[in-house]
Amino acid sequence: MITAVETQERMNADPRWWKVALMDFVDDFRFHKDPAAIEQAFEPSDDKRDAAFSAVIETLCDELRLSIPSWLQQVPNCHEPFFVAGLENLKATALVESPIRFRARNVFVLANFLTRV
């Protein structure tokens, strides 16, 4: 089981490939469905990645009908809008399609962001 703390450490260790660590967490959390993976708070270090990761955890908790850990309330939202795709021509689509947990944190993704094969 991959924990939120381990995921954050991986994202910080290799910021260029942070989404790989994030999606590994998504796959693992959906497989194990174990709230123990998110019991311990990660140490915030980058407002964009922290907000995106928090939105992912909240969205997965909603999807799996798990309680959202209270420590996530302490993770700050992005100060500036963060478009995860990083492509100018996808910004309008991301504004429309972003799930509520992402929008609330000023993070914008396409509707299929958490879709895995």
C-alpha atoms as a PDB file:
ATOM      1  CA  MET A   1       0.000   0.000   0.000  1.00  0.00           C
ATOM      2  CA  ILE A   2       1.327   3.407  -1.014  1.00  0.00           C
ATOM      3  CA  THR A   3       0.662   6.206   1.485  1.00  0.00           C
ATOM      4  CA  ALA A   4       0.063   9.901   0.905  1.00  0.00           C
ATOM      5  CA  VAL A   5       3.329  10.671   2.715  1.00  0.00           C
ATOM      6  CA  GLU A   6       5.297   8.298   0.478  1.00  0.00           C
ATOM      7  CA  THR A   7       3.651   9.780  -2.592  1.00  0.00           C
ATOM      8  CA  GLN A   8       4.503  13.322  -1.540  1.00  0.00           C
ATOM      9  CA  GLU A   9       8.119  12.281  -0.939  1.00  0.00           C
ATOM     10  CA  ARG A  10       8.300  10.786  -4.441  1.00  0.00           C
ATOM     11  CA  MET A  11       6.736  13.889  -5.994  1.00  0.00           C
ATOM     12  CA  ASN A  12       9.271  16.101  -4.216  1.00  0.00           C
ATOM     13  CA  ALA A  13      12.214  13.855  -5.076  1.00  0.00           C
ATOM     14  CA  ASP A  14      11.509  14.106  -8.801  1.00  0.00           C
ATOM     15  CA  PRO A  15       9.292  17.158  -9.480  1.00  0.00           C
ATOM     16  CA  ARG A  16       9.557  16.766 -13.242  1.00  0.00           C
ATOM     17  CA  TRP A  17       7.678  13.454 -13.045  1.00  0.00           C
ATOM     18  CA  TRP A  18       5.375  14.206 -10.104  1.00  0.00           C
ATOM     19  CA  LYS A  19       2.306  12.984 -12.001  1.00  0.00           C
ATOM     20  CA  VAL A  20       3.767   9.459 -12.226  1.00  0.00           C
ATOM     21  CA  ALA A  21       3.925   9.224  -8.417  1.00  0.00           C
ATOM     22  CA  LEU A  22       0.443  10.748  -8.190  1.00  0.00           C
ATOM     23  CA  MET A  23      -1.115   8.241 -10.583  1.00  0.00           C
ATOM     24  CA  ASP A  24       0.668   5.351  -8.861  1.00  0.00           C
ATOM     25  CA  PHE A  25      -1.090   6.508  -5.692  1.00  0.00           C
ATOM     26  CA  VAL A  26      -4.447   6.751  -7.504  1.00  0.00           C
ATOM     27  CA  ASP A  27      -4.149   3.185  -8.814  1.00  0.00           C
ATOM     28  CA  ASP A  28      -2.993   1.812  -5.465  1.00  0.00           C
ATOM     29  CA  PHE A  29      -5.647   3.625  -3.426  1.00  0.00           C
ATOM     30  CA  ARG A  30      -8.426   2.444  -5.715  1.00  0.00           C
ATOM     31  CA  PHE A  31      -7.109  -1.111  -5.497  1.00  0.00           C
ATOM     32  CA  HIS A  32      -6.628  -1.291  -1.712  1.00  0.00           C
ATOM     33  CA  LYS A  33      -9.396   1.130  -0.652  1.00  0.00           C
ATOM     34  CA  ASP A  34      -7.578   1.459   2.661  1.00  0.00           C
ATOM     35  CA  PRO A  35      -8.068   4.710   4.615  1.00  0.00           C
ATOM     36  CA  ALA A  36      -4.768   3.986   6.396  1.00  0.00           C
ATOM     37  CA  ALA A  37      -3.028   5.255   3.250  1.00  0.00           C
ATOM     38  CA  ILE A  38      -4.292   8.766   3.963  1.00  0.00           C
ATOM     39  CA  GLU A  39      -4.294   8.819   7.773  1.00  0.00           C
ATOM     40  CA  GLN A  40      -0.989  10.653   8.084  1.00  0.00           C
ATOM     41  CA  ALA A  41      -0.675  14.183   6.704  1.00  0.00           C
ATOM     42  CA  PHE A  42       1.984  14.923   4.157  1.00  0.00           C
ATOM     43  CA  GLU A  43       4.253  17.930   4.645  1.00  0.00           C
ATOM     44  CA  PRO A  44       3.205  20.719   2.248  1.00  0.00           C
ATOM     45  CA  SER A  45       6.055  21.838   0.022  1.00  0.00           C
ATOM     46  CA  ASP A  46       4.693  23.130  -3.294  1.00  0.00           C
ATOM     47  CA  ASP A  47       1.344  24.906  -3.406  1.00  0.00           C
ATOM     48  CA  LYS A  48       0.416  23.627  -6.881  1.00  0.00           C
ATOM     49  CA  ARG A  49       1.311  19.976  -6.364  1.00  0.00           C
ATOM     50  CA  ASP A  50      -0.008  19.997  -2.780  1.00  0.00           C
ATOM     51  CA  ALA A  51      -3.374  21.414  -3.860  1.00  0.00           C
ATOM     52  CA  ALA A  52      -3.630  18.980  -6.771  1.00  0.00           C
ATOM     53  CA  PHE A  53      -2.744  16.005  -4.566  1.00  0.00           C
ATOM     54  CA  SER A  54      -5.252  17.128  -1.931  1.00  0.00           C
ATOM     55  CA  ALA A  55      -7.971  17.410  -4.580  1.00  0.00           C
ATOM     56  CA  VAL A  56      -7.104  13.915  -5.799  1.00  0.00           C
ATOM     57  CA  ILE A  57      -7.399  12.481  -2.285  1.00  0.00           C
ATOM     58  CA  GLU A  58     -10.711  14.270  -1.694  1.00  0.00           C
ATOM     59  CA  THR A  59     -12.090  13.094  -5.035  1.00  0.00           C
ATOM     60  CA  LEU A  60     -11.032   9.503  -4.383  1.00  0.00           C
ATOM     61  CA  CYS A  61     -12.635   9.623  -0.932  1.00  0.00           C
ATOM     62  CA  ASP A  62     -15.883  10.828  -2.519  1.00  0.00           C
ATOM     63  CA  GLU A  63     -15.665   8.115  -5.170  1.00  0.00           C
ATOM     64  CA  LEU A  64     -15.027   5.344  -2.622  1.00  0.00           C
ATOM     65  CA  ARG A  65     -17.422   6.801  -0.020  1.00  0.00           C
ATOM     66  CA  LEU A  66     -14.670   7.263   2.558  1.00  0.00           C
ATOM     67  CA  SER A  67     -14.349  10.074   5.071  1.00  0.00           C
ATOM     68  CA  ILE A  68     -12.062  12.871   3.981  1.00  0.00           C
ATOM     69  CA  PRO A  69      -9.201  13.259   6.467  1.00  0.00           C
ATOM     70  CA  SER A  70      -9.458  16.466   8.485  1.00  0.00           C
ATOM     71  CA  TRP A  71      -5.771  17.272   7.953  1.00  0.00           C
ATOM     72  CA  LEU A  72      -6.535  18.114   4.296  1.00  0.00           C
ATOM     73  CA  GLN A  73      -8.231  21.305   5.506  1.00  0.00           C
ATOM     74  CA  GLN A  74      -4.768  22.542   6.508  1.00  0.00           C
ATOM     75  CA  VAL A  75      -3.322  22.138   2.999  1.00  0.00           C
ATOM     76  CA  PRO A  76      -3.567  25.526   1.264  1.00  0.00           C
ATOM     77  CA  ASN A  77      -5.218  26.001  -2.104  1.00  0.00           C
ATOM     78  CA  CYS A  78      -3.238  27.282  -5.076  1.00  0.00           C
ATOM     79  CA  HIS A  79      -2.665  31.022  -4.956  1.00  0.00           C
ATOM     80  CA  GLU A  80      -2.825  31.230  -8.764  1.00  0.00           C
ATOM     81  CA  PRO A  81      -4.951  29.025 -11.032  1.00  0.00           C
ATOM     82  CA  PHE A  82      -3.048  25.821 -11.814  1.00  0.00           C
ATOM     83  CA  PHE A  83      -3.803  24.163 -15.152  1.00  0.00           C
ATOM     84  CA  VAL A  84      -2.301  20.700 -14.787  1.00  0.00           C
ATOM     85  CA  ALA A  85      -2.219  19.951 -18.532  1.00  0.00           C
ATOM     86  CA  GLY A  86      -0.029  23.006 -19.061  1.00  0.00           C
ATOM     87  CA  LEU A  87      -1.380  23.605 -22.559  1.00  0.00           C
ATOM     88  CA  GLU A  88      -2.906  26.968 -23.361  1.00  0.00           C
ATOM     89  CA  ASN A  89      -5.483  25.534 -25.768  1.00  0.00           C
ATOM     90  CA  LEU A  90      -6.874  23.182 -23.052  1.00  0.00           C
ATOM     91  CA  LYS A  91      -7.465  25.854 -20.399  1.00  0.00           C
ATOM     92  CA  ALA A  92     -11.055  26.630 -21.428  1.00  0.00           C
ATOM     93  CA  THR A  93     -11.919  22.928 -21.469  1.00  0.00           C
ATOM     94  CA  ALA A  94     -10.302  22.411 -18.060  1.00  0.00           C
ATOM     95  CA  LEU A  95     -12.273  25.348 -16.625  1.00  0.00           C
ATOM     96  CA  VAL A  96     -15.516  23.693 -17.712  1.00  0.00           C
ATOM     97  CA  GLU A  97     -14.657  20.059 -16.959  1.00  0.00           C
ATOM     98  CA  SER A  98     -12.752  20.233 -13.643  1.00  0.00           C
ATOM     99  CA  PRO A  99     -14.419  18.281 -10.841  1.00  0.00           C
ATOM    100  CA  ILE A 100     -15.581  20.386  -7.897  1.00  0.00           C
ATOM    101  CA  ARG A 101     -12.822  19.260  -5.517  1.00  0.00           C
ATOM    102  CA  PHE A 102     -10.219  20.501  -7.982  1.00  0.00           C
ATOM    103  CA  ARG A 103     -11.984  23.787  -8.706  1.00  0.00           C
ATOM    104  CA  ALA A 104     -12.325  24.482  -4.999  1.00  0.00           C
ATOM    105  CA  ARG A 105      -8.532  24.295  -4.740  1.00  0.00           C
ATOM    106  CA  ASN A 106      -7.947  26.468  -7.831  1.00  0.00           C
ATOM    107  CA  VAL A 107      -6.663  23.442  -9.772  1.00  0.00           C
ATOM    108  CA  PHE A 108      -8.010  22.741 -13.240  1.00  0.00           C
ATOM    109  CA  VAL A 109      -7.914  19.363 -14.968  1.00  0.00           C
ATOM    110  CA  LEU A 110      -9.748  17.669 -17.797  1.00  0.00           C
ATOM    111  CA  ALA A 111     -12.711  15.465 -16.885  1.00  0.00           C
ATOM    112  CA  ASN A 112     -10.710  12.313 -17.598  1.00  0.00           C
ATOM    113  CA  PHE A 113      -7.751  13.259 -15.377  1.00  0.00           C
ATOM    114  CA  LEU A 114      -8.332  10.386 -12.937  1.00  0.00           C
ATOM    115  CA  THR A 115      -9.445   7.914 -15.595  1.00  0.00           C
ATOM    116  CA  ARG A 116      -7.060   4.975 -15.704  1.00  0.00           C
ATOM    117  CA  VAL A 117      -6.841   1.965 -17.982  1.00  0.00           C
END
